[in-house]
Structures are given as C-alpha cells and as structure tokens.
Amino acid sequence: MNPYEIVFHPFVTEKSMMLMEKDNSLQFAVSMKANKRQIKEALEEMFGIKVVKVTTRIGKNGKIAVAKLSPEYMAEDIGMRIGIF
C-alpha cells in the first residue's frame, strides 16, 4: 500500500501536544484498514524516522495512531517539519 493511503494527516489536540512533550510521541489519523505494522512502515518511509511502538484507537474521528519515536528523534522537531506548529 502507498504510505499516503495509510496515513492521512497529523491529529493535533491538547492531549497530543502533551504526549509530544512527555512521551516523544506523535498522533496521526490513519486508514481504518491499516494495521500497526503498516502504519509503522508508512511513518518511517514518509518522515525518515524510527518508530518504536504504534498504538491505535478508534473514536468518533476515525482511527487514530499514536507513534512513539525512538530517542534519537525528537517529536517536536518532526512536528515542526510536518507543520504541526
């Protein structure tokens, strides 16, 4: 699958901003059909980062993935690069 068919856009809320600072994690709206492995590979390919863990949840806004980044990548830097701030 094309990574841009899996990951739609960053999901930005107050909670996601707190996770970015506290847990070095980013949140994204993703395809309902994508599994965690596909999401991890898509994020690594799209942004050139290393993802340690992906967790997902399904809410009223669709499927949201939380990607915990490895320590050598800072979530704030990646957020600046993709336009969260």
PDB file of N, CA and C in Angstrom:
ATOM      1  N   MET A   1       0.836  -1.194   0.000  1.00  0.00           N
ATOM      2  CA  MET A   1       0.000   0.000   0.000  1.00  0.00           C
ATOM      3  C   MET A   1       0.873   1.247   0.000  1.00  0.00           C
ATOM      4  N   ASN A   2       0.386   2.262  -0.632  1.00  0.00           N
ATOM      5  CA  ASN A   2       1.045   3.556  -0.640  1.00  0.00           C
ATOM      6  C   ASN A   2       0.981   4.163   0.766  1.00  0.00           C
ATOM      7  N   PRO A   3       2.088   4.694   1.305  1.00  0.00           N
ATOM      8  CA  PRO A   3       2.056   5.265   2.658  1.00  0.00           C
ATOM      9  C   PRO A   3       1.044   6.400   2.811  1.00  0.00           C
ATOM     10  N   TYR A   4       0.789   7.123   1.718  1.00  0.00           N
ATOM     11  CA  TYR A   4      -0.155   8.238   1.785  1.00  0.00           C
ATOM     12  C   TYR A   4      -1.609   7.771   1.772  1.00  0.00           C
ATOM     13  N   GLU A   5      -1.843   6.497   1.486  1.00  0.00           N
ATOM     14  CA  GLU A   5      -3.172   5.914   1.620  1.00  0.00           C
ATOM     15  C   GLU A   5      -3.395   5.380   3.030  1.00  0.00           C
ATOM     16  N   ILE A   6      -2.322   5.225   3.787  1.00  0.00           N
ATOM     17  CA  ILE A   6      -2.404   4.703   5.156  1.00  0.00           C
ATOM     18  C   ILE A   6      -2.498   5.852   6.160  1.00  0.00           C
ATOM     19  N   VAL A   7      -1.581   6.815   6.064  1.00  0.00           N
ATOM     20  CA  VAL A   7      -1.524   7.945   6.997  1.00  0.00           C
ATOM     21  C   VAL A   7      -2.132   9.159   6.309  1.00  0.00           C
ATOM     22  N   PHE A   8      -3.185   9.721   6.911  1.00  0.00           N
ATOM     23  CA  PHE A   8      -3.875  10.850   6.299  1.00  0.00           C
ATOM     24  C   PHE A   8      -3.277  12.194   6.710  1.00  0.00           C
ATOM     25  N   HIS A   9      -3.237  12.458   8.008  1.00  0.00           N
ATOM     26  CA  HIS A   9      -2.737  13.744   8.494  1.00  0.00           C
ATOM     27  C   HIS A   9      -2.437  13.650   9.985  1.00  0.00           C
ATOM     28  N   PRO A  10      -1.636  14.606  10.515  1.00  0.00           N
ATOM     29  CA  PRO A  10      -1.402  14.622  11.967  1.00  0.00           C
ATOM     30  C   PRO A  10      -2.708  14.931  12.699  1.00  0.00           C
ATOM     31  N   PHE A  11      -2.866  14.340  13.850  1.00  0.00           N
ATOM     32  CA  PHE A  11      -4.041  14.572  14.688  1.00  0.00           C
ATOM     33  C   PHE A  11      -3.577  15.416  15.869  1.00  0.00           C
ATOM     34  N   VAL A  12      -3.982  16.685  15.895  1.00  0.00           N
ATOM     35  CA  VAL A  12      -3.458  17.625  16.883  1.00  0.00           C
ATOM     36  C   VAL A  12      -4.557  18.039  17.858  1.00  0.00           C
ATOM     37  N   THR A  13      -4.349  17.726  19.126  1.00  0.00           N
ATOM     38  CA  THR A  13      -5.216  18.149  20.221  1.00  0.00           C
ATOM     39  C   THR A  13      -4.313  18.547  21.382  1.00  0.00           C
ATOM     40  N   GLU A  14      -4.918  19.013  22.455  1.00  0.00           N
ATOM     41  CA  GLU A  14      -4.118  19.331  23.640  1.00  0.00           C
ATOM     42  C   GLU A  14      -3.424  18.082  24.174  1.00  0.00           C
ATOM     43  N   LYS A  15      -4.138  16.967  24.146  1.00  0.00           N
ATOM     44  CA  LYS A  15      -3.560  15.713  24.626  1.00  0.00           C
ATOM     45  C   LYS A  15      -2.386  15.281  23.744  1.00  0.00           C
ATOM     46  N   SER A  16      -2.518  15.433  22.440  1.00  0.00           N
ATOM     47  CA  SER A  16      -1.419  15.045  21.543  1.00  0.00           C
ATOM     48  C   SER A  16      -0.202  15.938  21.747  1.00  0.00           C
ATOM     49  N   MET A  17      -0.422  17.203  22.045  1.00  0.00           N
ATOM     50  CA  MET A  17       0.702  18.107  22.324  1.00  0.00           C
ATOM     51  C   MET A  17       1.401  17.697  23.623  1.00  0.00           C
ATOM     52  N   MET A  18       0.624  17.280  24.622  1.00  0.00           N
ATOM     53  CA  MET A  18       1.192  16.825  25.880  1.00  0.00           C
ATOM     54  C   MET A  18       1.987  15.532  25.676  1.00  0.00           C
ATOM     55  N   LEU A  19       1.459  14.610  24.872  1.00  0.00           N
ATOM     56  CA  LEU A  19       2.174  13.370  24.570  1.00  0.00           C
ATOM     57  C   LEU A  19       3.463  13.639  23.821  1.00  0.00           C
ATOM     58  N   MET A  20       3.440  14.663  22.965  1.00  0.00           N
ATOM     59  CA  MET A  20       4.624  15.005  22.198  1.00  0.00           C
ATOM     60  C   MET A  20       5.762  15.412  23.133  1.00  0.00           C
ATOM     61  N   GLU A  21       5.455  16.199  24.130  1.00  0.00           N
ATOM     62  CA  GLU A  21       6.474  16.664  25.081  1.00  0.00           C
ATOM     63  C   GLU A  21       6.868  15.583  26.080  1.00  0.00           C
ATOM     64  N   LYS A  22       5.867  14.886  26.630  1.00  0.00           N
ATOM     65  CA  LYS A  22       6.113  13.945  27.715  1.00  0.00           C
ATOM     66  C   LYS A  22       6.633  12.590  27.237  1.00  0.00           C
ATOM     67  N   ASP A  23       6.060  12.089  26.132  1.00  0.00           N
ATOM     68  CA  ASP A  23       6.304  10.704  25.734  1.00  0.00           C
ATOM     69  C   ASP A  23       7.036  10.567  24.403  1.00  0.00           C
ATOM     70  N   ASN A  24       7.406  11.698  23.778  1.00  0.00           N
ATOM     71  CA  ASN A  24       8.084  11.692  22.475  1.00  0.00           C
ATOM     72  C   ASN A  24       7.250  10.923  21.448  1.00  0.00           C
ATOM     73  N   SER A  25       5.940  11.249  21.405  1.00  0.00           N
ATOM     74  CA  SER A  25       5.003  10.559  20.524  1.00  0.00           C
ATOM     75  C   SER A  25       4.263  11.550  19.638  1.00  0.00           C
ATOM     76  N   LEU A  26       3.830  11.070  18.480  1.00  0.00           N
ATOM     77  CA  LEU A  26       3.007  11.844  17.556  1.00  0.00           C
ATOM     78  C   LEU A  26       1.736  11.071  17.262  1.00  0.00           C
ATOM     79  N   GLN A  27       0.628  11.805  17.015  1.00  0.00           N
ATOM     80  CA  GLN A  27      -0.636  11.160  16.686  1.00  0.00           C
ATOM     81  C   GLN A  27      -1.013  11.482  15.251  1.00  0.00           C
ATOM     82  N   PHE A  28      -1.586  10.481  14.569  1.00  0.00           N
ATOM     83  CA  PHE A  28      -1.991  10.635  13.182  1.00  0.00           C
ATOM     84  C   PHE A  28      -3.351   9.998  12.956  1.00  0.00           C
ATOM     85  N   ALA A  29      -4.143  10.599  12.061  1.00  0.00           N
ATOM     86  CA  ALA A  29      -5.365   9.964  11.579  1.00  0.00           C
ATOM     87  C   ALA A  29      -4.939   9.002  10.488  1.00  0.00           C
ATOM     88  N   VAL A  30      -5.390   7.759  10.588  1.00  0.00           N
ATOM     89  CA  VAL A  30      -4.956   6.711   9.657  1.00  0.00           C
ATOM     90  C   VAL A  30      -6.161   5.967   9.088  1.00  0.00           C
ATOM     91  N   SER A  31      -5.905   5.164   8.069  1.00  0.00           N
ATOM     92  CA  SER A  31      -6.933   4.361   7.423  1.00  0.00           C
ATOM     93  C   SER A  31      -7.469   3.302   8.388  1.00  0.00           C
ATOM     94  N   MET A  32      -8.761   3.076   8.321  1.00  0.00           N
ATOM     95  CA  MET A  32      -9.380   2.063   9.171  1.00  0.00           C
ATOM     96  C   MET A  32      -8.879   0.658   8.819  1.00  0.00           C
ATOM     97  N   LYS A  33      -8.409   0.457   7.589  1.00  0.00           N
ATOM     98  CA  LYS A  33      -7.980  -0.867   7.139  1.00  0.00           C
ATOM     99  C   LYS A  33      -6.523  -1.159   7.496  1.00  0.00           C
ATOM    100  N   ALA A  34      -5.767  -0.154   7.907  1.00  0.00           N
ATOM    101  CA  ALA A  34      -4.334  -0.335   8.166  1.00  0.00           C
ATOM    102  C   ALA A  34      -4.101  -0.987   9.525  1.00  0.00           C
ATOM    103  N   ASN A  35      -3.106  -1.884   9.574  1.00  0.00           N
ATOM    104  CA  ASN A  35      -2.725  -2.469  10.855  1.00  0.00           C
ATOM    105  C   ASN A  35      -1.490  -1.732  11.392  1.00  0.00           C
ATOM    106  N   LYS A  36      -1.071  -2.084  12.592  1.00  0.00           N
ATOM    107  CA  LYS A  36       0.020  -1.364  13.255  1.00  0.00           C
ATOM    108  C   LYS A  36       1.334  -1.459  12.482  1.00  0.00           C
ATOM    109  N   ARG A  37       1.626  -2.604  11.927  1.00  0.00           N
ATOM    110  CA  ARG A  37       2.870  -2.778  11.166  1.00  0.00           C
ATOM    111  C   ARG A  37       2.876  -1.885   9.927  1.00  0.00           C
ATOM    112  N   GLN A  38       1.750  -1.820   9.222  1.00  0.00           N
ATOM    113  CA  GLN A  38       1.657  -0.969   8.042  1.00  0.00           C
ATOM    114  C   GLN A  38       1.797   0.507   8.408  1.00  0.00           C
ATOM    115  N   ILE A  39       1.207   0.902   9.525  1.00  0.00           N
ATOM    116  CA  ILE A  39       1.299   2.288   9.975  1.00  0.00           C
ATOM    117  C   ILE A  39       2.747   2.631  10.311  1.00  0.00           C
ATOM    118  N   LYS A  40       3.415   1.745  11.037  1.00  0.00           N
ATOM    119  CA  LYS A  40       4.817   1.966  11.409  1.00  0.00           C
ATOM    120  C   LYS A  40       5.688   2.119  10.172  1.00  0.00           C
ATOM    121  N   GLU A  41       5.548   1.207   9.202  1.00  0.00           N
ATOM    122  CA  GLU A  41       6.356   1.269   7.990  1.00  0.00           C
ATOM    123  C   GLU A  41       6.057   2.526   7.175  1.00  0.00           C
ATOM    124  N   ALA A  42       4.784   2.922   7.123  1.00  0.00           N
ATOM    125  CA  ALA A  42       4.410   4.121   6.374  1.00  0.00           C
ATOM    126  C   ALA A  42       5.021   5.375   6.998  1.00  0.00           C
ATOM    127  N   LEU A  43       4.963   5.481   8.323  1.00  0.00           N
ATOM    128  CA  LEU A  43       5.534   6.654   9.002  1.00  0.00           C
ATOM    129  C   LEU A  43       7.043   6.713   8.826  1.00  0.00           C
ATOM    130  N   GLU A  44       7.700   5.565   8.941  1.00  0.00           N
ATOM    131  CA  GLU A  44       9.149   5.537   8.771  1.00  0.00           C
ATOM    132  C   GLU A  44       9.546   5.936   7.353  1.00  0.00           C
ATOM    133  N   GLU A  45       8.768   5.507   6.369  1.00  0.00           N
ATOM    134  CA  GLU A  45       9.071   5.850   4.974  1.00  0.00           C
ATOM    135  C   GLU A  45       8.759   7.318   4.679  1.00  0.00           C
ATOM    136  N   MET A  46       7.634   7.813   5.181  1.00  0.00           N
ATOM    137  CA  MET A  46       7.218   9.185   4.884  1.00  0.00           C
ATOM    138  C   MET A  46       8.127  10.234   5.513  1.00  0.00           C
ATOM    139  N   PHE A  47       8.510  10.023   6.759  1.00  0.00           N
ATOM    140  CA  PHE A  47       9.220  11.056   7.511  1.00  0.00           C
ATOM    141  C   PHE A  47      10.678  10.736   7.794  1.00  0.00           C
ATOM    142  N   GLY A  48      11.148   9.559   7.426  1.00  0.00           N
ATOM    143  CA  GLY A  48      12.540   9.197   7.660  1.00  0.00           C
ATOM    144  C   GLY A  48      12.885   9.116   9.135  1.00  0.00           C
ATOM    145  N   ILE A  49      11.985   8.514   9.912  1.00  0.00           N
ATOM    146  CA  ILE A  49      12.170   8.397  11.361  1.00  0.00           C
ATOM    147  C   ILE A  49      12.154   6.928  11.746  1.00  0.00           C
ATOM    148  N   LYS A  50      12.481   6.657  13.011  1.00  0.00           N
ATOM    149  CA  LYS A  50      12.416   5.299  13.564  1.00  0.00           C
ATOM    150  C   LYS A  50      11.308   5.280  14.601  1.00  0.00           C
ATOM    151  N   VAL A  51      10.308   4.433  14.381  1.00  0.00           N
ATOM    152  CA  VAL A  51       9.172   4.306  15.294  1.00  0.00           C
ATOM    153  C   VAL A  51       9.391   3.085  16.165  1.00  0.00           C
ATOM    154  N   VAL A  52       9.294   3.271  17.480  1.00  0.00           N
ATOM    155  CA  VAL A  52       9.479   2.174  18.423  1.00  0.00           C
ATOM    156  C   VAL A  52       8.194   1.377  18.595  1.00  0.00           C
ATOM    157  N   LYS A  53       7.062   2.084  18.726  1.00  0.00           N
ATOM    158  CA  LYS A  53       5.803   1.413  19.042  1.00  0.00           C
ATOM    159  C   LYS A  53       4.644   2.200  18.440  1.00  0.00           C
ATOM    160  N   VAL A  54       3.634   1.489  17.980  1.00  0.00           N
ATOM    161  CA  VAL A  54       2.415   2.114  17.474  1.00  0.00           C
ATOM    162  C   VAL A  54       1.231   1.548  18.242  1.00  0.00           C
ATOM    163  N   THR A  55       0.399   2.434  18.769  1.00  0.00           N
ATOM    164  CA  THR A  55      -0.862   2.023  19.376  1.00  0.00           C
ATOM    165  C   THR A  55      -1.978   2.711  18.603  1.00  0.00           C
ATOM    166  N   THR A  56      -3.135   2.073  18.540  1.00  0.00           N
ATOM    167  CA  THR A  56      -4.251   2.641  17.794  1.00  0.00           C
ATOM    168  C   THR A  56      -5.502   2.650  18.658  1.00  0.00           C
ATOM    169  N   ARG A  57      -6.400   3.546  18.274  1.00  0.00           N
ATOM    170  CA  ARG A  57      -7.719   3.576  18.902  1.00  0.00           C
ATOM    171  C   ARG A  57      -8.716   4.057  17.858  1.00  0.00           C
ATOM    172  N   ILE A  58      -9.932   3.624  18.012  1.00  0.00           N
ATOM    173  CA  ILE A  58     -10.987   4.033  17.091  1.00  0.00           C
ATOM    174  C   ILE A  58     -11.966   4.880  17.875  1.00  0.00           C
ATOM    175  N   GLY A  59     -12.185   6.095  17.402  1.00  0.00           N
ATOM    176  CA  GLY A  59     -13.087   7.022  18.058  1.00  0.00           C
ATOM    177  C   GLY A  59     -14.040   7.631  17.058  1.00  0.00           C
ATOM    178  N   LYS A  60     -14.694   8.699  17.473  1.00  0.00           N
ATOM    179  CA  LYS A  60     -15.664   9.341  16.581  1.00  0.00           C
ATOM    180  C   LYS A  60     -14.991  10.017  15.391  1.00  0.00           C
ATOM    181  N   ASN A  61     -13.687  10.292  15.497  1.00  0.00           N
ATOM    182  CA  ASN A  61     -12.944  10.918  14.403  1.00  0.00           C
ATOM    183  C   ASN A  61     -12.283   9.895  13.489  1.00  0.00           C
ATOM    184  N   GLY A  62     -12.533   8.620  13.683  1.00  0.00           N
ATOM    185  CA  GLY A  62     -11.913   7.576  12.888  1.00  0.00           C
ATOM    186  C   GLY A  62     -10.811   6.887  13.673  1.00  0.00           C
ATOM    187  N   LYS A  63      -9.891   6.276  12.961  1.00  0.00           N
ATOM    188  CA  LYS A  63      -8.802   5.545  13.601  1.00  0.00           C
ATOM    189  C   LYS A  63      -7.627   6.493  13.824  1.00  0.00           C
ATOM    190  N   ILE A  64      -7.151   6.540  15.055  1.00  0.00           N
ATOM    191  CA  ILE A  64      -6.039   7.400  15.442  1.00  0.00           C
ATOM    192  C   ILE A  64      -4.882   6.505  15.883  1.00  0.00           C
ATOM    193  N   ALA A  65      -3.695   6.784  15.342  1.00  0.00           N
ATOM    194  CA  ALA A  65      -2.498   6.037  15.702  1.00  0.00           C
ATOM    195  C   ALA A  65      -1.571   6.931  16.506  1.00  0.00           C
ATOM    196  N   VAL A  66      -1.020   6.385  17.584  1.00  0.00           N
ATOM    197  CA  VAL A  66      -0.020   7.073  18.387  1.00  0.00           C
ATOM    198  C   VAL A  66       1.309   6.373  18.129  1.00  0.00           C
ATOM    199  N   ALA A  67       2.264   7.130  17.573  1.00  0.00           N
ATOM    200  CA  ALA A  67       3.567   6.572  17.222  1.00  0.00           C
ATOM    201  C   ALA A  67       4.610   7.081  18.203  1.00  0.00           C
ATOM    202  N   LYS A  68       5.189   6.177  18.975  1.00  0.00           N
ATOM    203  CA  LYS A  68       6.271   6.537  19.902  1.00  0.00           C
ATOM    204  C   LYS A  68       7.581   6.470  19.128  1.00  0.00           C
ATOM    205  N   LEU A  69       8.310   7.577  19.118  1.00  0.00           N
ATOM    206  CA  LEU A  69       9.549   7.667  18.360  1.00  0.00           C
ATOM    207  C   LEU A  69      10.732   7.185  19.184  1.00  0.00           C
ATOM    208  N   SER A  70      11.768   6.726  18.496  1.00  0.00           N
ATOM    209  CA  SER A  70      12.986   6.323  19.195  1.00  0.00           C
ATOM    210  C   SER A  70      13.673   7.570  19.748  1.00  0.00           C
ATOM    211  N   PRO A  71      14.511   7.409  20.770  1.00  0.00           N
ATOM    212  CA  PRO A  71      15.096   8.568  21.466  1.00  0.00           C
ATOM    213  C   PRO A  71      15.938   9.492  20.587  1.00  0.00           C
ATOM    214  N   GLU A  72      16.502   8.998  19.484  1.00  0.00           N
ATOM    215  CA  GLU A  72      17.335   9.878  18.656  1.00  0.00           C
ATOM    216  C   GLU A  72      16.517  10.857  17.817  1.00  0.00           C
ATOM    217  N   TYR A  73      15.199  10.680  17.756  1.00  0.00           N
ATOM    218  CA  TYR A  73      14.312  11.605  17.041  1.00  0.00           C
ATOM    219  C   TYR A  73      13.429  12.313  18.052  1.00  0.00           C
ATOM    220  N   MET A  74      13.348  13.626  17.940  1.00  0.00           N
ATOM    221  CA  MET A  74      12.515  14.421  18.835  1.00  0.00           C
ATOM    222  C   MET A  74      11.177  14.704  18.166  1.00  0.00           C
ATOM    223  N   ALA A  75      10.081  14.413  18.866  1.00  0.00           N
ATOM    224  CA  ALA A  75       8.745  14.609  18.306  1.00  0.00           C
ATOM    225  C   ALA A  75       8.495  16.076  17.970  1.00  0.00           C
ATOM    226  N   GLU A  76       9.041  16.997  18.774  1.00  0.00           N
ATOM    227  CA  GLU A  76       8.862  18.424  18.499  1.00  0.00           C
ATOM    228  C   GLU A  76       9.500  18.812  17.171  1.00  0.00           C
ATOM    229  N   ASP A  77      10.691  18.262  16.890  1.00  0.00           N
ATOM    230  CA  ASP A  77      11.375  18.569  15.632  1.00  0.00           C
ATOM    231  C   ASP A  77      10.599  18.025  14.434  1.00  0.00           C
ATOM    232  N   ILE A  78      10.101  16.812  14.558  1.00  0.00           N
ATOM    233  CA  ILE A  78       9.331  16.219  13.475  1.00  0.00           C
ATOM    234  C   ILE A  78       8.020  16.998  13.302  1.00  0.00           C
ATOM    235  N   GLY A  79       7.401  17.408  14.402  1.00  0.00           N
ATOM    236  CA  GLY A  79       6.183  18.206  14.336  1.00  0.00           C
ATOM    237  C   GLY A  79       6.406  19.532  13.629  1.00  0.00           C
ATOM    238  N   MET A  80       7.524  20.153  13.885  1.00  0.00           N
ATOM    239  CA  MET A  80       7.854  21.423  13.192  1.00  0.00           C
ATOM    240  C   MET A  80       8.026  21.149  11.699  1.00  0.00           C
ATOM    241  N   ARG A  81       8.671  20.044  11.369  1.00  0.00           N
ATOM    242  CA  ARG A  81       8.949  19.721   9.968  1.00  0.00           C
ATOM    243  C   ARG A  81       7.668  19.434   9.172  1.00  0.00           C
ATOM    244  N   ILE A  82       6.697  18.803   9.822  1.00  0.00           N
ATOM    245  CA  ILE A  82       5.465  18.457   9.091  1.00  0.00           C
ATOM    246  C   ILE A  82       4.361  19.499   9.255  1.00  0.00           C
ATOM    247  N   GLY A  83       4.622  20.559  10.012  1.00  0.00           N
ATOM    248  CA  GLY A  83       3.692  21.681  10.075  1.00  0.00           C
ATOM    249  C   GLY A  83       2.660  21.641  11.173  1.00  0.00           C
ATOM    250  N   ILE A  84       2.942  20.967  12.275  1.00  0.00           N
ATOM    251  CA  ILE A  84       2.009  20.969  13.397  1.00  0.00           C
ATOM    252  C   ILE A  84       1.996  22.332  14.099  1.00  0.00           C
ATOM    253  N   PHE A  85       3.153  22.929  14.197  1.00  0.00           N
ATOM    254  CA  PHE A  85       3.254  24.222  14.895  1.00  0.00           C
ATOM    255  C   PHE A  85       3.101  25.363  13.918  1.00  0.00           C
TER     256      PHE A  85
END
